Amino acid sequence: QVQLVESGGGLVQPGGSLRLSCAASGSIFSIYGMEWHRQAPGKQREMVAHVSSGGSTNYADSVKGRFTISRDNAKNTVYLQMDRLKPEDTAVYFCNADTVTIARSRALYWGLGTQVTVSS
């Protein structure tokens, strides 16, 4: 079993910053790509940012230049630094990890999400 736990969400004013963390634990052999997604009320979940095992990144157009994804492979943790936040960034943020377990099975695991609210 693999578990992902997000942290770092909260309430922030427009223009402010937050840093999200997502730690993976359990029967992990290796992790390929890791991602952050978000889902706003009444909207579909969307991919925000992706980081490969080698550190290559890509972002949704809506967050380019404001958000930065990074990872610490030794800690099986992915981060999302969010700067210049806007009210439209308000959503539940989820992480996922494309994981190979110790039993050599491969699956995409998700965390339960953390709420980010951008409001004055």
C-alpha atoms as a PDB file:
ATOM      1  CA  GLN A   1       0.000   0.000   0.000  1.00  0.00           C
ATOM      2  CA  VAL A   2       1.057   3.560  -0.727  1.00  0.00           C
ATOM      3  CA  GLN A   3      -0.300   6.652   1.005  1.00  0.00           C
ATOM      4  CA  LEU A   4      -0.010  10.277  -0.057  1.00  0.00           C
ATOM      5  CA  VAL A   5      -0.653  13.060   2.439  1.00  0.00           C
ATOM      6  CA  GLU A   6      -0.911  16.708   1.416  1.00  0.00           C
ATOM      7  CA  SER A   7      -0.301  19.643   3.746  1.00  0.00           C
ATOM      8  CA  GLY A   8       0.168  23.390   3.620  1.00  0.00           C
ATOM      9  CA  GLY A   9      -3.221  24.582   2.447  1.00  0.00           C
ATOM     10  CA  GLY A  10      -5.102  27.440   4.044  1.00  0.00           C
ATOM     11  CA  LEU A  11      -6.551  30.898   3.629  1.00  0.00           C
ATOM     12  CA  VAL A  12      -4.419  33.555   1.964  1.00  0.00           C
ATOM     13  CA  GLN A  13      -5.054  37.025   0.580  1.00  0.00           C
ATOM     14  CA  PRO A  14      -4.794  37.747  -3.151  1.00  0.00           C
ATOM     15  CA  GLY A  15      -1.166  38.277  -4.093  1.00  0.00           C
ATOM     16  CA  GLY A  16       0.046  36.080  -1.269  1.00  0.00           C
ATOM     17  CA  SER A  17       1.952  32.799  -1.273  1.00  0.00           C
ATOM     18  CA  LEU A  18       1.526  29.251  -0.017  1.00  0.00           C
ATOM     19  CA  ARG A  19       3.701  26.167  -0.197  1.00  0.00           C
ATOM     20  CA  LEU A  20       2.027  22.781  -0.470  1.00  0.00           C
ATOM     21  CA  SER A  21       3.743  19.524   0.392  1.00  0.00           C
ATOM     22  CA  CYS A  22       2.807  15.953  -0.446  1.00  0.00           C
ATOM     23  CA  ALA A  23       4.625  13.065   1.188  1.00  0.00           C
ATOM     24  CA  ALA A  24       4.358   9.528  -0.139  1.00  0.00           C
ATOM     25  CA  SER A  25       4.909   6.581   2.182  1.00  0.00           C
ATOM     26  CA  GLY A  26       4.415   2.825   2.312  1.00  0.00           C
ATOM     27  CA  SER A  27       5.658   0.012   0.085  1.00  0.00           C
ATOM     28  CA  ILE A  28       7.468   2.215  -2.406  1.00  0.00           C
ATOM     29  CA  PHE A  29      10.141   0.910  -4.741  1.00  0.00           C
ATOM     30  CA  SER A  30      10.324   3.929  -7.012  1.00  0.00           C
ATOM     31  CA  ILE A  31       8.257   6.906  -8.123  1.00  0.00           C
ATOM     32  CA  TYR A  32       8.069   8.187 -11.667  1.00  0.00           C
ATOM     33  CA  GLY A  33       6.085  11.364 -12.304  1.00  0.00           C
ATOM     34  CA  MET A  34       4.418  13.356  -9.560  1.00  0.00           C
ATOM     35  CA  GLU A  35       1.691  15.908 -10.133  1.00  0.00           C
ATOM     36  CA  TRP A  36      -0.547  18.471  -8.514  1.00  0.00           C
ATOM     37  CA  HIS A  37      -4.170  18.775  -9.615  1.00  0.00           C
ATOM     38  CA  ARG A  38      -6.932  20.998  -8.334  1.00  0.00           C
ATOM     39  CA  GLN A  39     -10.702  21.016  -8.305  1.00  0.00           C
ATOM     40  CA  ALA A  40     -12.776  24.120  -7.738  1.00  0.00           C
ATOM     41  CA  PRO A  41     -16.453  23.938  -6.724  1.00  0.00           C
ATOM     42  CA  GLY A  42     -18.609  22.991  -9.692  1.00  0.00           C
ATOM     43  CA  LYS A  43     -15.612  22.431 -11.965  1.00  0.00           C
ATOM     44  CA  GLN A  44     -13.698  19.442 -13.248  1.00  0.00           C
ATOM     45  CA  ARG A  45     -10.379  18.475 -11.737  1.00  0.00           C
ATOM     46  CA  GLU A  46      -7.475  19.935 -13.722  1.00  0.00           C
ATOM     47  CA  MET A  47      -3.754  19.256 -13.819  1.00  0.00           C
ATOM     48  CA  VAL A  48      -1.737  22.140 -12.385  1.00  0.00           C
ATOM     49  CA  ALA A  49       1.853  20.943 -12.586  1.00  0.00           C
ATOM     50  CA  HIS A  50       3.931  17.852 -13.333  1.00  0.00           C
ATOM     51  CA  VAL A  51       7.480  16.891 -12.385  1.00  0.00           C
ATOM     52  CA  SER A  52       9.259  13.845 -13.777  1.00  0.00           C
ATOM     53  CA  SER A  53      11.624  11.639 -11.833  1.00  0.00           C
ATOM     54  CA  GLY A  54      14.457  13.517 -13.512  1.00  0.00           C
ATOM     55  CA  GLY A  55      13.111  16.921 -12.554  1.00  0.00           C
ATOM     56  CA  SER A  56      11.543  18.049 -15.838  1.00  0.00           C
ATOM     57  CA  THR A  57       8.465  20.161 -15.247  1.00  0.00           C
ATOM     58  CA  ASN A  58       5.398  21.412 -17.043  1.00  0.00           C
ATOM     59  CA  TYR A  59       2.526  23.622 -15.963  1.00  0.00           C
ATOM     60  CA  ALA A  60      -1.008  24.580 -16.830  1.00  0.00           C
ATOM     61  CA  ASP A  61      -1.073  27.893 -18.697  1.00  0.00           C
ATOM     62  CA  SER A  62      -3.111  29.448 -15.885  1.00  0.00           C
ATOM     63  CA  VAL A  63      -0.283  29.027 -13.351  1.00  0.00           C
ATOM     64  CA  LYS A  64       2.864  29.433 -15.460  1.00  0.00           C
ATOM     65  CA  GLY A  65       5.216  31.974 -13.954  1.00  0.00           C
ATOM     66  CA  ARG A  66       3.415  31.910 -10.590  1.00  0.00           C
ATOM     67  CA  PHE A  67       3.651  28.285  -9.398  1.00  0.00           C
ATOM     68  CA  THR A  68       6.761  26.121  -9.069  1.00  0.00           C
ATOM     69  CA  ILE A  69       6.729  22.350  -8.637  1.00  0.00           C
ATOM     70  CA  SER A  70       9.708  20.514  -7.159  1.00  0.00           C
ATOM     71  CA  ARG A  71      10.447  17.184  -5.539  1.00  0.00           C
ATOM     72  CA  ASP A  72      12.792  15.583  -3.038  1.00  0.00           C
ATOM     73  CA  ASN A  73      13.333  12.017  -4.201  1.00  0.00           C
ATOM     74  CA  ALA A  74      15.060  11.008  -0.972  1.00  0.00           C
ATOM     75  CA  LYS A  75      11.921  11.989   0.954  1.00  0.00           C
ATOM     76  CA  ASN A  76       9.378  10.851  -1.689  1.00  0.00           C
ATOM     77  CA  THR A  77       7.893  14.318  -1.423  1.00  0.00           C
ATOM     78  CA  VAL A  78       6.597  16.784  -3.991  1.00  0.00           C
ATOM     79  CA  TYR A  79       6.095  20.493  -3.359  1.00  0.00           C
ATOM     80  CA  LEU A  80       4.085  23.247  -4.976  1.00  0.00           C
ATOM     81  CA  GLN A  81       5.220  26.804  -4.335  1.00  0.00           C
ATOM     82  CA  MET A  82       2.330  29.113  -5.189  1.00  0.00           C
ATOM     83  CA  ASP A  83       3.053  32.830  -5.539  1.00  0.00           C
ATOM     84  CA  ARG A  84       0.935  35.806  -6.609  1.00  0.00           C
ATOM     85  CA  LEU A  85      -2.189  33.830  -5.776  1.00  0.00           C
ATOM     86  CA  LYS A  86      -5.514  34.855  -7.290  1.00  0.00           C
ATOM     87  CA  PRO A  87      -9.082  34.197  -6.127  1.00  0.00           C
ATOM     88  CA  GLU A  88      -9.497  31.845  -9.088  1.00  0.00           C
ATOM     89  CA  ASP A  89      -6.781  29.614  -7.600  1.00  0.00           C
ATOM     90  CA  THR A  90      -9.238  28.680  -4.846  1.00  0.00           C
ATOM     91  CA  ALA A  91      -9.713  24.913  -4.975  1.00  0.00           C
ATOM     92  CA  VAL A  92      -8.932  21.620  -3.308  1.00  0.00           C
ATOM     93  CA  TYR A  93      -5.416  20.652  -4.354  1.00  0.00           C
ATOM     94  CA  PHE A  94      -4.545  16.978  -4.839  1.00  0.00           C
ATOM     95  CA  CYS A  95      -1.217  15.315  -5.473  1.00  0.00           C
ATOM     96  CA  ASN A  96      -0.560  12.046  -7.258  1.00  0.00           C
ATOM     97  CA  ALA A  97       2.419   9.780  -7.749  1.00  0.00           C
ATOM     98  CA  ASP A  98       3.064   7.219 -10.488  1.00  0.00           C
ATOM     99  CA  THR A  99       4.515   4.551  -8.203  1.00  0.00           C
ATOM    100  CA  VAL A 100       6.137   1.149  -8.461  1.00  0.00           C
ATOM    101  CA  THR A 101       5.673  -0.799  -5.250  1.00  0.00           C
ATOM    102  CA  ILE A 102       8.068  -3.219  -3.604  1.00  0.00           C
ATOM    103  CA  ALA A 103       5.971  -5.995  -5.170  1.00  0.00           C
ATOM    104  CA  ARG A 104       6.798  -4.408  -8.551  1.00  0.00           C
ATOM    105  CA  SER A 105       3.236  -3.400  -9.326  1.00  0.00           C
ATOM    106  CA  ARG A 106       2.703   0.050 -10.811  1.00  0.00           C
ATOM    107  CA  ALA A 107      -0.223   2.345 -10.127  1.00  0.00           C
ATOM    108  CA  LEU A 108      -1.206   5.981  -9.786  1.00  0.00           C
ATOM    109  CA  TYR A 109      -1.870   6.931  -6.173  1.00  0.00           C
ATOM    110  CA  TRP A 110      -3.718  10.042  -4.995  1.00  0.00           C
ATOM    111  CA  GLY A 111      -3.837  12.030  -1.813  1.00  0.00           C
ATOM    112  CA  LEU A 112      -7.074  13.215  -0.185  1.00  0.00           C
ATOM    113  CA  GLY A 113      -6.472  16.873  -0.940  1.00  0.00           C
ATOM    114  CA  THR A 114      -5.859  20.125   0.877  1.00  0.00           C
ATOM    115  CA  GLN A 115      -8.039  23.238   0.649  1.00  0.00           C
ATOM    116  CA  VAL A 116      -6.574  26.473  -0.691  1.00  0.00           C
ATOM    117  CA  THR A 117      -8.725  29.580  -0.390  1.00  0.00           C
ATOM    118  CA  VAL A 118      -7.622  32.924  -1.831  1.00  0.00           C
ATOM    119  CA  SER A 119      -9.795  35.716  -0.505  1.00  0.00           C
ATOM    120  CA  SER A 120      -9.562  39.135   1.072  1.00  0.00           C
END
